[in-house]
């Protein structure tokens, strides 16, 4: 029994010693972390240079321009989002108390494409409900085209970046075959440089295309949500105006 207790105490002491962190080891790991971050930065820089300054710079420009347009579209779409239920309530109350001019003033002071569509429709109240409905539909198409502005450029960069990467791949393979022709040998050392250029440019183009595609799909989802909200709100506006006419 005594030997069992002594053995248990010995194992417990060894377990505690193993779980206690070594200060020297902790300091070493802490010192290596910045070095690892610096190494990653330098590695990316070296890959950019080895991939060919011309092709990698073109791919980088596609990324920068595509992200700039995508961010601008996201900000614009967020500002274009309107609480349609609250706006319809304000228009209905204003129309009951102040007529068409009061309802137009509510639309004029509200930002967003929905308020602009409502303003165009209410402005033609004197011409009848059918004219109002046609005006809402027509101006809704104009607002929708403004929401989709810039998407063609993003799709262009999504397609261009991988193509530039594949073009760099072809040029890298040509360089590898030129090196084989000059050296008269097919050893790995001869073709490694050209193959490396081919792979780096391909990876760069695909990464840029994937990033921009994610932003593109997100922007499309935002536009779809705004368009659905516009259509629902337009139907509700026509119902309000029909009730007010009676």
Protein backbone atom coordinates (compact mmCIF):
# COMPACT_ATOMS: atom_id res chain seq x y z
CA UNK A 1 0.00 0.00 0.00
CA UNK A 2 2.82 2.39 0.91
CA UNK A 3 4.60 1.67 -2.36
CA UNK A 4 1.38 2.36 -4.30
CA UNK A 5 0.94 5.75 -2.59
CA UNK A 6 4.59 6.69 -3.27
CA UNK A 7 4.23 5.68 -6.92
CA UNK A 8 1.03 7.71 -7.29
CA UNK A 9 2.72 10.80 -5.77
CA UNK A 10 5.68 10.40 -8.11
CA UNK A 11 3.44 10.19 -11.18
CA UNK A 12 1.48 13.26 -10.02
CA UNK A 13 4.67 15.28 -9.61
CA UNK A 14 5.82 14.28 -13.09
CA UNK A 15 2.42 15.27 -14.58
CA UNK A 16 2.52 18.72 -12.91
CA UNK A 17 6.07 19.27 -14.10
CA UNK A 18 5.06 18.35 -17.65
CA UNK A 19 2.06 20.74 -17.61
CA UNK A 20 4.09 23.70 -16.27
CA UNK A 21 5.35 25.82 -19.21
CA UNK A 22 9.06 26.37 -19.52
CA UNK A 23 9.87 30.14 -19.48
CA UNK A 24 12.76 29.65 -21.87
CA UNK A 25 10.58 27.73 -24.33
CA UNK A 26 7.81 30.36 -24.09
CA UNK A 27 10.30 33.14 -24.78
CA UNK A 28 11.69 31.27 -27.77
CA UNK A 29 8.22 30.76 -29.29
CA UNK A 30 7.35 34.42 -28.72
CA UNK A 31 10.53 35.46 -30.48
CA UNK A 32 9.85 33.15 -33.41
CA UNK A 33 6.32 34.48 -34.07
CA UNK A 34 7.36 37.87 -35.53
CA UNK A 35 10.05 36.12 -37.54
CA UNK A 36 7.43 33.76 -39.01
CA UNK A 37 5.17 36.71 -39.93
CA UNK A 38 8.11 38.49 -41.54
CA UNK A 39 9.03 35.32 -43.40
CA UNK A 40 5.49 35.02 -44.83
CA UNK A 41 5.58 38.64 -46.00
CA UNK A 42 8.95 38.17 -47.63
CA UNK A 43 7.81 34.91 -49.19
CA UNK A 44 4.79 36.55 -50.80
CA UNK A 45 7.02 39.33 -52.08
CA UNK A 46 9.48 36.86 -53.56
CA UNK A 47 6.64 34.91 -55.21
CA UNK A 48 5.32 38.13 -56.73
CA UNK A 49 8.75 38.91 -58.20
CA UNK A 50 9.40 35.36 -59.38
CA UNK A 51 5.99 35.18 -61.07
CA UNK A 52 7.00 37.99 -63.40
CA UNK A 53 6.50 41.66 -62.58
CA UNK A 54 4.39 42.32 -65.66
CA UNK A 55 1.84 39.54 -65.23
CA UNK A 56 1.64 39.71 -61.44
CA UNK A 57 1.24 43.50 -61.54
CA UNK A 58 -1.59 43.14 -64.07
CA UNK A 59 -3.32 40.59 -61.84
CA UNK A 60 -2.83 42.86 -58.82
CA UNK A 61 -4.34 45.80 -60.73
CA UNK A 62 -7.40 43.65 -61.52
CA UNK A 63 -7.75 42.89 -57.82
CA UNK A 64 -7.41 46.53 -56.73
CA UNK A 65 -9.82 47.92 -59.32
CA UNK A 66 -12.32 45.11 -58.78
CA UNK A 67 -12.29 45.57 -55.00
CA UNK A 68 -12.61 49.36 -55.36
CA UNK A 69 -15.72 49.02 -57.54
CA UNK A 70 -17.16 46.28 -55.30
CA UNK A 71 -16.71 48.35 -52.13
CA UNK A 72 -18.26 51.40 -53.80
CA UNK A 73 -21.25 49.30 -54.91
CA UNK A 74 -21.70 47.83 -51.43
CA UNK A 75 -21.69 51.31 -49.84
CA UNK A 76 -24.14 52.59 -52.46
CA UNK A 77 -26.50 49.65 -51.98
CA UNK A 78 -26.43 50.00 -48.20
CA UNK A 79 -27.34 53.68 -48.55
CA UNK A 80 -30.09 52.74 -51.03
CA UNK A 81 -31.79 50.41 -48.56
CA UNK A 82 -35.02 51.96 -47.24
CA UNK A 83 -37.54 50.95 -44.61
CA UNK A 84 -40.44 50.71 -47.05
CA UNK A 85 -43.11 50.06 -44.41
CA UNK A 86 -42.19 53.22 -42.52
CA UNK A 87 -42.02 55.24 -45.75
CA UNK A 88 -45.44 54.02 -46.91
CA UNK A 89 -46.94 54.93 -43.53
CA UNK A 90 -45.50 58.44 -43.75
CA UNK A 91 -46.79 58.87 -47.33
CA UNK A 92 -50.26 57.65 -46.38
CA UNK A 93 -50.47 59.99 -43.38
CA UNK A 94 -49.11 62.93 -45.38
CA UNK A 95 -51.55 62.31 -48.23
CA UNK A 96 -54.49 62.24 -45.83
CA UNK A 97 -53.48 65.49 -44.14
CA UNK A 98 -51.81 67.54 -46.89
CA UNK A 99 -52.68 65.90 -50.18
CA UNK A 100 -50.35 65.21 -53.08
CA UNK A 101 -47.84 67.95 -52.26
CA UNK A 102 -47.33 66.68 -48.71
CA UNK A 103 -46.80 63.13 -49.98
CA UNK A 104 -44.32 64.39 -52.58
CA UNK A 105 -42.43 66.27 -49.88
CA UNK A 106 -42.04 63.07 -47.85
CA UNK A 107 -40.58 61.33 -50.91
CA UNK A 108 -38.35 64.30 -51.70
CA UNK A 109 -36.77 64.27 -48.22
CA UNK A 110 -36.21 60.50 -48.17
CA UNK A 111 -33.10 58.98 -49.72
CA UNK A 112 -33.06 55.86 -51.83
CA UNK A 113 -34.48 54.51 -55.09
CA UNK A 114 -37.83 53.54 -53.53
CA UNK A 115 -38.57 57.14 -52.54
CA UNK A 116 -37.58 58.33 -56.02
CA UNK A 117 -39.98 55.85 -57.64
CA UNK A 118 -42.76 56.92 -55.30
CA UNK A 119 -42.13 60.57 -56.12
CA UNK A 120 -42.47 59.92 -59.85
CA UNK A 121 -45.71 58.04 -59.32
CA UNK A 122 -47.32 60.52 -56.94
CA UNK A 123 -46.38 63.40 -59.25
CA UNK A 124 -48.76 61.93 -61.86
CA UNK A 125 -51.74 61.41 -59.58
CA UNK A 126 -53.80 63.90 -61.57
CA UNK A 127 -53.46 61.74 -64.71
CA UNK A 128 -55.05 58.65 -63.17
CA UNK A 129 -53.99 55.45 -61.44
CA UNK A 130 -53.02 53.71 -64.69
CA UNK A 131 -50.55 56.46 -65.55
CA UNK A 132 -49.17 56.31 -62.03
CA UNK A 133 -48.66 52.55 -62.33
CA UNK A 134 -46.88 52.88 -65.69
CA UNK A 135 -44.68 55.63 -64.30
CA UNK A 136 -43.72 53.50 -61.30
CA UNK A 137 -42.83 50.54 -63.53
CA UNK A 138 -40.80 52.66 -65.98
CA UNK A 139 -38.86 54.55 -63.36
CA UNK A 140 -38.32 51.33 -61.44
CA UNK A 141 -36.40 49.99 -64.44
CA UNK A 142 -34.23 53.11 -64.44
CA UNK A 143 -33.45 52.70 -60.74
CA UNK A 144 -32.66 49.02 -61.22
CA UNK A 145 -30.12 49.85 -63.94
CA UNK A 146 -28.46 52.30 -61.57
CA UNK A 147 -28.24 49.61 -58.89
CA UNK A 148 -26.52 47.26 -61.36
CA UNK A 149 -24.07 49.92 -62.52
CA UNK A 150 -20.45 48.76 -62.29
CA UNK A 151 -21.19 45.03 -62.20
CA UNK A 152 -19.97 44.59 -65.77
CA UNK A 153 -16.54 45.88 -64.73
CA UNK A 154 -16.36 43.47 -61.79
CA UNK A 155 -17.31 40.56 -64.05
CA UNK A 156 -14.65 41.73 -66.51
CA UNK A 157 -11.95 41.59 -63.83
CA UNK A 158 -13.24 38.19 -62.64
CA UNK A 159 -12.68 36.84 -66.15
CA UNK A 160 -9.47 38.78 -66.90
CA UNK A 161 -7.44 37.84 -63.81
CA UNK A 162 -7.50 34.04 -64.39
CA UNK A 163 -6.84 34.57 -68.12
CA UNK A 164 -3.76 36.63 -67.28
CA UNK A 165 -2.68 33.84 -64.95
CA UNK A 166 -3.12 31.24 -67.67
CA UNK A 167 -1.23 33.46 -70.11
CA UNK A 168 1.62 33.58 -67.60
CA UNK A 169 1.39 29.79 -67.41
CA UNK A 170 1.87 29.45 -71.16
CA UNK A 171 4.80 31.87 -71.13
CA UNK A 172 6.37 29.96 -68.22
CA UNK A 173 6.09 26.72 -70.17
CA UNK A 174 7.67 28.39 -73.20
CA UNK A 175 10.56 29.53 -70.99
CA UNK A 176 10.95 25.99 -69.66
CA UNK A 177 11.12 24.53 -73.18
CA UNK A 178 13.60 27.24 -74.24
CA UNK A 179 15.79 26.30 -71.28
CA UNK A 180 15.60 22.63 -72.28
CA UNK A 181 16.56 23.51 -75.85
CA UNK A 182 19.54 25.59 -74.72
CA UNK A 183 20.78 23.07 -72.15
CA UNK A 184 20.00 19.98 -74.21
CA UNK A 185 18.79 18.33 -71.04
CA UNK A 186 15.44 17.71 -69.32
CA UNK A 187 16.69 17.72 -65.76
CA UNK A 188 14.49 19.33 -63.07
CA UNK A 189 16.99 22.14 -62.51
CA UNK A 190 16.60 23.26 -66.11
CA UNK A 191 12.80 23.45 -66.21
CA UNK A 192 12.17 24.47 -62.58
CA UNK A 193 12.35 28.22 -63.20
CA UNK A 194 9.85 28.26 -66.06
CA UNK A 195 7.47 25.88 -64.30
CA UNK A 196 7.57 28.01 -61.17
CA UNK A 197 6.56 31.10 -63.13
CA UNK A 198 3.72 29.13 -64.71
CA UNK A 199 2.33 27.91 -61.39
CA UNK A 200 2.69 31.23 -59.53
CA UNK A 201 0.83 33.23 -62.17
CA UNK A 202 -1.93 30.62 -62.31
CA UNK A 203 -2.41 30.68 -58.55
CA UNK A 204 -2.42 34.49 -58.50
CA UNK A 205 -5.06 34.76 -61.22
CA UNK A 206 -7.31 32.14 -59.65
CA UNK A 207 -7.09 33.70 -56.17
CA UNK A 208 -8.05 37.14 -57.52
CA UNK A 209 -10.93 35.63 -59.52
CA UNK A 210 -12.27 33.79 -56.45
CA UNK A 211 -12.12 36.90 -54.23
CA UNK A 212 -13.91 39.10 -56.77
CA UNK A 213 -16.51 36.39 -57.46
CA UNK A 214 -17.47 36.34 -53.77
CA UNK A 215 -17.98 40.12 -53.77
CA UNK A 216 -19.89 39.94 -57.07
CA UNK A 217 -22.36 37.36 -55.74
CA UNK A 218 -22.84 39.34 -52.53
CA UNK A 219 -23.64 42.49 -54.52
CA UNK A 220 -26.12 40.57 -56.68
CA UNK A 221 -27.90 39.30 -53.57
CA UNK A 222 -28.14 42.87 -52.23
CA UNK A 223 -29.58 44.11 -55.53
CA UNK A 224 -32.14 41.29 -55.61
CA UNK A 225 -33.26 42.14 -52.07
CA UNK A 226 -33.65 45.84 -52.93
CA UNK A 227 -35.53 45.09 -56.16
CA UNK A 228 -37.97 42.77 -54.37
CA UNK A 229 -38.53 45.44 -51.73
CA UNK A 230 -39.12 48.04 -54.48
CA UNK A 231 -41.70 45.87 -56.23
CA UNK A 232 -43.61 45.07 -53.04
CA UNK A 233 -43.57 48.72 -51.95
CA UNK A 234 -44.78 49.86 -55.40
CA UNK A 235 -47.79 47.55 -55.19
CA UNK A 236 -48.56 48.87 -51.72
CA UNK A 237 -48.28 52.47 -52.96
CA UNK A 238 -50.79 51.82 -55.76
CA UNK A 239 -53.21 50.33 -53.21
CA UNK A 240 -52.84 53.40 -50.99
CA UNK A 241 -53.48 55.76 -53.90
CA UNK A 242 -56.49 53.75 -55.06
CA UNK A 243 -58.01 53.92 -51.56
CA UNK A 244 -57.31 57.66 -51.38
CA UNK A 245 -59.08 58.23 -54.71
CA UNK A 246 -62.29 56.61 -53.48
